[in-house]
Amino acid sequence: MNVSELLRLLQTENDETTARADNLREQIERLTTDLAETEARLAELAATRKVIDGLTPPSQATAPADTATATIYQRIATTFNEHPGKVFRVRDLHEHLGLPTDEPSINVTRSRLGRLVRQGLLTQPGRGRYQKRT
């Protein structure tokens, strides 16, 4: 094999690899657009659900078919109702519910628990600890 043949083969492989990279970039762009649209739709659906839940009187509220489809607030309330005497830390609650334990997720739940304390559903017997109001 001479140098000319090696250069030709190298150029062919370079052209094929460049075409594949371009194809992958196009796929990534399409998928990124699809993901953004899907996430926007999920946010719309969550907002709609929240509005409808807020408008539905408690006597007409329907119980979720299973906890996987329940809202996070419903899952939290169910957990505290199932363990009325237990004091939960936010991270323990996340582990119990099978939620991510990264700091941003923990902070969101901490905020949710604060709302439930203000609404009178939970008490806060100590800093960072939450319990069902008895």
N, C-alpha and C. Protein backbone atom coordinates (compact mmCIF):
# COMPACT_ATOMS: atom_id res chain seq x y z
N MET A 1 0.85 -1.16 0.00
CA MET A 1 0.00 0.00 0.00
C MET A 1 0.90 1.23 0.00
N ASN A 2 0.65 2.13 -0.92
CA ASN A 2 1.49 3.31 -0.99
C ASN A 2 0.84 4.48 -0.25
N VAL A 3 1.55 5.57 -0.18
CA VAL A 3 1.09 6.75 0.56
C VAL A 3 -0.18 7.32 -0.06
N SER A 4 -0.31 7.30 -1.36
CA SER A 4 -1.51 7.84 -2.03
C SER A 4 -2.74 7.05 -1.62
N GLU A 5 -2.62 5.73 -1.58
CA GLU A 5 -3.76 4.90 -1.18
C GLU A 5 -4.12 5.16 0.28
N LEU A 6 -3.12 5.29 1.14
CA LEU A 6 -3.38 5.58 2.55
C LEU A 6 -4.10 6.92 2.72
N LEU A 7 -3.66 7.91 1.99
CA LEU A 7 -4.30 9.23 2.07
C LEU A 7 -5.74 9.18 1.55
N ARG A 8 -5.97 8.40 0.48
CA ARG A 8 -7.32 8.26 -0.06
C ARG A 8 -8.22 7.57 0.95
N LEU A 9 -7.74 6.48 1.57
CA LEU A 9 -8.51 5.78 2.59
C LEU A 9 -8.78 6.66 3.80
N LEU A 10 -7.79 7.40 4.21
CA LEU A 10 -7.94 8.32 5.32
C LEU A 10 -8.99 9.38 5.01
N GLN A 11 -8.96 9.92 3.80
CA GLN A 11 -9.94 10.93 3.38
C GLN A 11 -11.35 10.34 3.34
N THR A 12 -11.46 9.11 2.84
CA THR A 12 -12.77 8.44 2.78
C THR A 12 -13.32 8.26 4.19
N GLU A 13 -12.49 7.77 5.09
CA GLU A 13 -12.94 7.58 6.48
C GLU A 13 -13.29 8.92 7.13
N ASN A 14 -12.51 9.94 6.85
CA ASN A 14 -12.79 11.27 7.37
C ASN A 14 -14.14 11.79 6.86
N ASP A 15 -14.42 11.59 5.57
CA ASP A 15 -15.69 12.03 5.00
C ASP A 15 -16.88 11.28 5.62
N GLU A 16 -16.72 9.97 5.80
CA GLU A 16 -17.80 9.17 6.40
C GLU A 16 -18.04 9.57 7.85
N THR A 17 -16.97 9.79 8.59
CA THR A 17 -17.09 10.18 10.00
C THR A 17 -17.70 11.57 10.12
N THR A 18 -17.33 12.48 9.24
CA THR A 18 -17.91 13.82 9.24
C THR A 18 -19.40 13.76 8.94
N ALA A 19 -19.79 12.93 7.97
CA ALA A 19 -21.21 12.78 7.64
C ALA A 19 -21.97 12.20 8.83
N ARG A 20 -21.39 11.22 9.50
CA ARG A 20 -22.05 10.63 10.68
C ARG A 20 -22.20 11.66 11.80
N ALA A 21 -21.15 12.44 12.04
CA ALA A 21 -21.20 13.48 13.07
C ALA A 21 -22.28 14.51 12.74
N ASP A 22 -22.37 14.90 11.47
CA ASP A 22 -23.41 15.85 11.05
C ASP A 22 -24.80 15.27 11.28
N ASN A 23 -24.96 13.99 10.94
CA ASN A 23 -26.24 13.31 11.15
C ASN A 23 -26.60 13.27 12.63
N LEU A 24 -25.63 12.95 13.49
CA LEU A 24 -25.88 12.91 14.93
C LEU A 24 -26.22 14.30 15.47
N ARG A 25 -25.54 15.34 14.99
CA ARG A 25 -25.86 16.70 15.41
C ARG A 25 -27.30 17.07 15.05
N GLU A 26 -27.74 16.67 13.85
CA GLU A 26 -29.12 16.93 13.43
C GLU A 26 -30.11 16.18 14.33
N GLN A 27 -29.79 14.93 14.67
CA GLN A 27 -30.65 14.16 15.57
C GLN A 27 -30.73 14.82 16.94
N ILE A 28 -29.59 15.27 17.45
CA ILE A 28 -29.57 15.94 18.75
C ILE A 28 -30.41 17.20 18.72
N GLU A 29 -30.30 17.95 17.65
CA GLU A 29 -31.09 19.18 17.52
C GLU A 29 -32.59 18.87 17.51
N ARG A 30 -32.98 17.84 16.74
CA ARG A 30 -34.40 17.44 16.70
C ARG A 30 -34.87 16.97 18.07
N LEU A 31 -34.07 16.12 18.72
CA LEU A 31 -34.44 15.61 20.03
C LEU A 31 -34.50 16.71 21.08
N THR A 32 -33.60 17.66 21.00
CA THR A 32 -33.61 18.78 21.95
C THR A 32 -34.88 19.60 21.78
N THR A 33 -35.27 19.84 20.54
CA THR A 33 -36.50 20.57 20.26
C THR A 33 -37.71 19.79 20.77
N ASP A 34 -37.74 18.48 20.47
CA ASP A 34 -38.84 17.63 20.93
C ASP A 34 -38.92 17.61 22.46
N LEU A 35 -37.76 17.53 23.12
CA LEU A 35 -37.73 17.51 24.57
C LEU A 35 -38.26 18.81 25.15
N ALA A 36 -37.85 19.93 24.59
CA ALA A 36 -38.32 21.22 25.08
C ALA A 36 -39.83 21.34 24.92
N GLU A 37 -40.36 20.90 23.78
CA GLU A 37 -41.80 20.95 23.56
C GLU A 37 -42.54 20.03 24.53
N THR A 38 -42.00 18.85 24.77
CA THR A 38 -42.62 17.90 25.68
C THR A 38 -42.59 18.41 27.11
N GLU A 39 -41.48 18.98 27.54
CA GLU A 39 -41.39 19.54 28.89
C GLU A 39 -42.36 20.71 29.06
N ALA A 40 -42.50 21.54 28.02
CA ALA A 40 -43.46 22.64 28.09
C ALA A 40 -44.88 22.10 28.24
N ARG A 41 -45.20 21.04 27.51
CA ARG A 41 -46.53 20.44 27.61
C ARG A 41 -46.76 19.85 29.00
N LEU A 42 -45.73 19.20 29.56
CA LEU A 42 -45.85 18.67 30.91
C LEU A 42 -46.11 19.78 31.92
N ALA A 43 -45.42 20.91 31.76
CA ALA A 43 -45.64 22.04 32.66
C ALA A 43 -47.07 22.57 32.53
N GLU A 44 -47.58 22.63 31.30
CA GLU A 44 -48.97 23.07 31.08
C GLU A 44 -49.94 22.11 31.76
N LEU A 45 -49.70 20.81 31.60
CA LEU A 45 -50.58 19.83 32.21
C LEU A 45 -50.54 19.91 33.74
N ALA A 46 -49.36 20.11 34.30
CA ALA A 46 -49.23 20.22 35.75
C ALA A 46 -49.96 21.46 36.26
N ALA A 47 -49.83 22.57 35.53
CA ALA A 47 -50.53 23.79 35.92
C ALA A 47 -52.03 23.60 35.84
N THR A 48 -52.49 22.96 34.79
CA THR A 48 -53.92 22.69 34.64
C THR A 48 -54.42 21.81 35.78
N ARG A 49 -53.67 20.78 36.10
CA ARG A 49 -54.04 19.88 37.20
C ARG A 49 -54.13 20.65 38.51
N LYS A 50 -53.16 21.54 38.74
CA LYS A 50 -53.13 22.31 39.97
C LYS A 50 -54.35 23.22 40.07
N VAL A 51 -54.71 23.87 38.97
CA VAL A 51 -55.88 24.74 38.95
C VAL A 51 -57.14 23.93 39.22
N ILE A 52 -57.28 22.81 38.55
CA ILE A 52 -58.47 21.97 38.73
C ILE A 52 -58.54 21.44 40.16
N ASP A 53 -57.41 21.00 40.71
CA ASP A 53 -57.39 20.53 42.10
C ASP A 53 -57.80 21.64 43.06
N GLY A 54 -57.36 22.87 42.76
CA GLY A 54 -57.72 24.00 43.61
C GLY A 54 -59.19 24.36 43.53
N LEU A 55 -59.83 24.07 42.41
CA LEU A 55 -61.24 24.40 42.22
C LEU A 55 -62.17 23.30 42.71
N THR A 56 -61.65 22.10 42.89
CA THR A 56 -62.47 20.96 43.29
C THR A 56 -62.65 20.96 44.80
N PRO A 57 -63.90 20.99 45.28
CA PRO A 57 -64.12 20.90 46.73
C PRO A 57 -63.62 19.56 47.26
N PRO A 58 -63.12 19.54 48.50
CA PRO A 58 -62.58 18.29 49.05
C PRO A 58 -63.57 17.14 49.01
N SER A 59 -64.85 17.41 49.15
CA SER A 59 -65.84 16.33 49.15
C SER A 59 -65.97 15.67 47.78
N GLN A 60 -65.58 16.40 46.72
CA GLN A 60 -65.69 15.85 45.37
C GLN A 60 -64.37 15.32 44.84
N ALA A 61 -63.32 15.49 45.60
CA ALA A 61 -62.01 15.03 45.14
C ALA A 61 -62.02 13.52 45.02
N THR A 62 -61.40 13.05 43.99
CA THR A 62 -61.33 11.60 43.77
C THR A 62 -59.98 11.11 44.22
N ALA A 63 -59.96 9.95 44.79
CA ALA A 63 -58.71 9.34 45.23
C ALA A 63 -57.95 8.84 44.01
N PRO A 64 -56.65 9.04 43.98
CA PRO A 64 -55.87 8.55 42.85
C PRO A 64 -55.89 7.03 42.80
N ALA A 65 -55.76 6.49 41.60
CA ALA A 65 -55.79 5.03 41.42
C ALA A 65 -54.60 4.38 42.12
N ASP A 66 -53.46 5.00 42.06
CA ASP A 66 -52.29 4.49 42.77
C ASP A 66 -51.36 5.66 43.05
N THR A 67 -50.40 5.46 43.96
CA THR A 67 -49.55 6.57 44.37
C THR A 67 -48.63 7.04 43.25
N ALA A 68 -48.41 6.23 42.24
CA ALA A 68 -47.55 6.66 41.14
C ALA A 68 -48.18 7.81 40.36
N THR A 69 -49.53 7.86 40.31
CA THR A 69 -50.19 8.92 39.57
C THR A 69 -50.62 10.07 40.48
N ALA A 70 -50.43 9.92 41.78
CA ALA A 70 -50.83 10.97 42.71
C ALA A 70 -49.86 12.14 42.63
N THR A 71 -50.36 13.30 42.98
CA THR A 71 -49.45 14.45 43.03
C THR A 71 -48.52 14.27 44.21
N ILE A 72 -47.44 15.00 44.21
CA ILE A 72 -46.46 14.86 45.28
C ILE A 72 -47.08 15.26 46.61
N TYR A 73 -47.96 16.27 46.60
CA TYR A 73 -48.62 16.66 47.85
C TYR A 73 -49.48 15.51 48.39
N GLN A 74 -50.16 14.83 47.50
CA GLN A 74 -50.98 13.71 47.93
C GLN A 74 -50.11 12.59 48.49
N ARG A 75 -48.98 12.35 47.85
CA ARG A 75 -48.07 11.31 48.33
C ARG A 75 -47.49 11.67 49.69
N ILE A 76 -47.16 12.95 49.87
CA ILE A 76 -46.62 13.39 51.16
C ILE A 76 -47.69 13.23 52.24
N ALA A 77 -48.91 13.71 51.96
CA ALA A 77 -49.99 13.62 52.93
C ALA A 77 -50.29 12.17 53.28
N THR A 78 -50.29 11.31 52.28
CA THR A 78 -50.54 9.89 52.52
C THR A 78 -49.47 9.29 53.42
N THR A 79 -48.23 9.66 53.18
CA THR A 79 -47.13 9.15 54.01
C THR A 79 -47.31 9.56 55.46
N PHE A 80 -47.62 10.86 55.68
CA PHE A 80 -47.80 11.31 57.06
C PHE A 80 -49.04 10.69 57.69
N ASN A 81 -50.10 10.45 56.91
CA ASN A 81 -51.29 9.79 57.44
C ASN A 81 -51.01 8.34 57.81
N GLU A 82 -50.17 7.68 57.03
CA GLU A 82 -49.82 6.29 57.31
C GLU A 82 -48.89 6.16 58.51
N HIS A 83 -48.15 7.22 58.82
CA HIS A 83 -47.19 7.22 59.93
C HIS A 83 -47.43 8.45 60.79
N PRO A 84 -48.59 8.53 61.47
CA PRO A 84 -48.97 9.76 62.16
C PRO A 84 -48.03 10.17 63.29
N GLY A 85 -47.38 9.25 63.94
CA GLY A 85 -46.50 9.59 65.05
C GLY A 85 -45.05 9.78 64.65
N LYS A 86 -44.73 9.46 63.42
CA LYS A 86 -43.33 9.49 62.98
C LYS A 86 -42.91 10.91 62.61
N VAL A 87 -41.70 11.26 63.00
CA VAL A 87 -41.11 12.54 62.64
C VAL A 87 -40.16 12.27 61.47
N PHE A 88 -40.38 12.98 60.37
CA PHE A 88 -39.56 12.80 59.16
C PHE A 88 -38.62 13.98 58.96
N ARG A 89 -37.42 13.68 58.55
CA ARG A 89 -36.54 14.70 57.98
C ARG A 89 -36.81 14.67 56.47
N VAL A 90 -36.53 15.74 55.78
CA VAL A 90 -36.86 15.82 54.36
C VAL A 90 -36.17 14.71 53.57
N ARG A 91 -34.91 14.47 53.84
CA ARG A 91 -34.17 13.43 53.11
C ARG A 91 -34.77 12.06 53.37
N ASP A 92 -35.17 11.79 54.63
CA ASP A 92 -35.81 10.51 54.95
C ASP A 92 -37.13 10.36 54.21
N LEU A 93 -37.89 11.45 54.13
CA LEU A 93 -39.16 11.43 53.41
C LEU A 93 -38.91 11.12 51.94
N HIS A 94 -37.89 11.75 51.35
CA HIS A 94 -37.55 11.48 49.95
C HIS A 94 -37.20 10.02 49.74
N GLU A 95 -36.41 9.47 50.63
CA GLU A 95 -36.04 8.06 50.50
C GLU A 95 -37.27 7.17 50.65
N HIS A 96 -38.14 7.52 51.59
CA HIS A 96 -39.37 6.74 51.79
C HIS A 96 -40.25 6.77 50.54
N LEU A 97 -40.33 7.93 49.88
CA LEU A 97 -41.18 8.08 48.70
C LEU A 97 -40.48 7.67 47.41
N GLY A 98 -39.19 7.37 47.49
CA GLY A 98 -38.45 6.99 46.29
C GLY A 98 -38.15 8.17 45.40
N LEU A 99 -38.02 9.36 45.99
CA LEU A 99 -37.72 10.57 45.23
C LEU A 99 -36.22 10.81 45.21
N PRO A 100 -35.72 11.61 44.26
CA PRO A 100 -34.29 11.92 44.22
C PRO A 100 -33.87 12.66 45.49
N THR A 101 -32.65 12.42 45.94
CA THR A 101 -32.17 13.06 47.16
C THR A 101 -31.12 14.13 46.87
N ASP A 102 -31.15 14.69 45.66
CA ASP A 102 -30.24 15.79 45.36
C ASP A 102 -30.76 17.06 46.04
N GLU A 103 -29.88 18.01 46.28
CA GLU A 103 -30.24 19.22 47.02
C GLU A 103 -31.39 20.02 46.40
N PRO A 104 -31.42 20.24 45.08
CA PRO A 104 -32.56 20.99 44.53
C PRO A 104 -33.90 20.31 44.81
N SER A 105 -33.97 19.00 44.69
CA SER A 105 -35.22 18.27 44.96
C SER A 105 -35.58 18.37 46.44
N ILE A 106 -34.58 18.24 47.30
CA ILE A 106 -34.80 18.34 48.74
C ILE A 106 -35.35 19.73 49.08
N ASN A 107 -34.80 20.77 48.48
CA ASN A 107 -35.25 22.13 48.77
C ASN A 107 -36.69 22.36 48.33
N VAL A 108 -37.08 21.79 47.20
CA VAL A 108 -38.46 21.92 46.74
C VAL A 108 -39.40 21.26 47.74
N THR A 109 -39.04 20.07 48.19
CA THR A 109 -39.89 19.38 49.16
C THR A 109 -39.92 20.13 50.49
N ARG A 110 -38.80 20.70 50.89
CA ARG A 110 -38.76 21.49 52.13
C ARG A 110 -39.76 22.64 52.03
N SER A 111 -39.82 23.27 50.87
CA SER A 111 -40.78 24.35 50.64
C SER A 111 -42.21 23.83 50.70
N ARG A 112 -42.46 22.69 50.10
CA ARG A 112 -43.80 22.08 50.13
C ARG A 112 -44.21 21.75 51.57
N LEU A 113 -43.28 21.20 52.33
CA LEU A 113 -43.59 20.87 53.71
C LEU A 113 -43.88 22.13 54.52
N GLY A 114 -43.17 23.21 54.23
CA GLY A 114 -43.45 24.49 54.89
C GLY A 114 -44.87 24.96 54.61
N ARG A 115 -45.32 24.79 53.38
CA ARG A 115 -46.71 25.16 53.04
C ARG A 115 -47.70 24.30 53.83
N LEU A 116 -47.41 23.01 53.94
CA LEU A 116 -48.30 22.12 54.68
C LEU A 116 -48.31 22.46 56.17
N VAL A 117 -47.19 22.94 56.69
CA VAL A 117 -47.14 23.40 58.09
C VAL A 117 -48.02 24.64 58.23
N ARG A 118 -47.89 25.60 57.30
CA ARG A 118 -48.69 26.83 57.36
C ARG A 118 -50.18 26.54 57.20
N GLN A 119 -50.51 25.50 56.44
CA GLN A 119 -51.91 25.13 56.26
C GLN A 119 -52.45 24.35 57.45
N GLY A 120 -51.59 23.99 58.37
CA GLY A 120 -52.03 23.29 59.57
C GLY A 120 -52.11 21.78 59.45
N LEU A 121 -51.63 21.22 58.34
CA LEU A 121 -51.68 19.76 58.19
C LEU A 121 -50.51 19.08 58.89
N LEU A 122 -49.39 19.77 59.00
CA LEU A 122 -48.20 19.22 59.63
C LEU A 122 -47.73 20.15 60.74
N THR A 123 -46.91 19.62 61.62
CA THR A 123 -46.22 20.44 62.61
C THR A 123 -44.72 20.28 62.37
N GLN A 124 -43.97 21.19 62.97
CA GLN A 124 -42.53 21.14 62.85
C GLN A 124 -41.95 21.08 64.26
N PRO A 125 -41.82 19.84 64.79
CA PRO A 125 -41.36 19.70 66.17
C PRO A 125 -39.91 20.09 66.40
N GLY A 126 -39.17 20.26 65.36
CA GLY A 126 -37.77 20.68 65.46
C GLY A 126 -37.31 21.17 64.10
N ARG A 127 -36.18 21.84 64.09
CA ARG A 127 -35.67 22.37 62.82
C ARG A 127 -35.41 21.22 61.85
N GLY A 128 -36.06 21.30 60.67
CA GLY A 128 -35.86 20.30 59.65
C GLY A 128 -36.61 19.00 59.88
N ARG A 129 -37.52 18.99 60.85
CA ARG A 129 -38.29 17.80 61.16
C ARG A 129 -39.78 18.12 61.00
N TYR A 130 -40.51 17.15 60.47
CA TYR A 130 -41.93 17.36 60.18
C TYR A 130 -42.73 16.16 60.67
N GLN A 131 -43.94 16.45 61.16
CA GLN A 131 -44.79 15.40 61.71
C GLN A 131 -46.25 15.78 61.44
N LYS A 132 -47.11 14.77 61.36
CA LYS A 132 -48.55 15.01 61.17
C LYS A 132 -49.09 15.70 62.42
N ARG A 133 -49.91 16.73 62.19
CA ARG A 133 -50.56 17.42 63.31
C ARG A 133 -51.59 16.49 63.92
N THR A 134 -51.55 16.37 65.24
CA THR A 134 -52.49 15.46 65.92
C THR A 134 -53.56 16.23 66.65
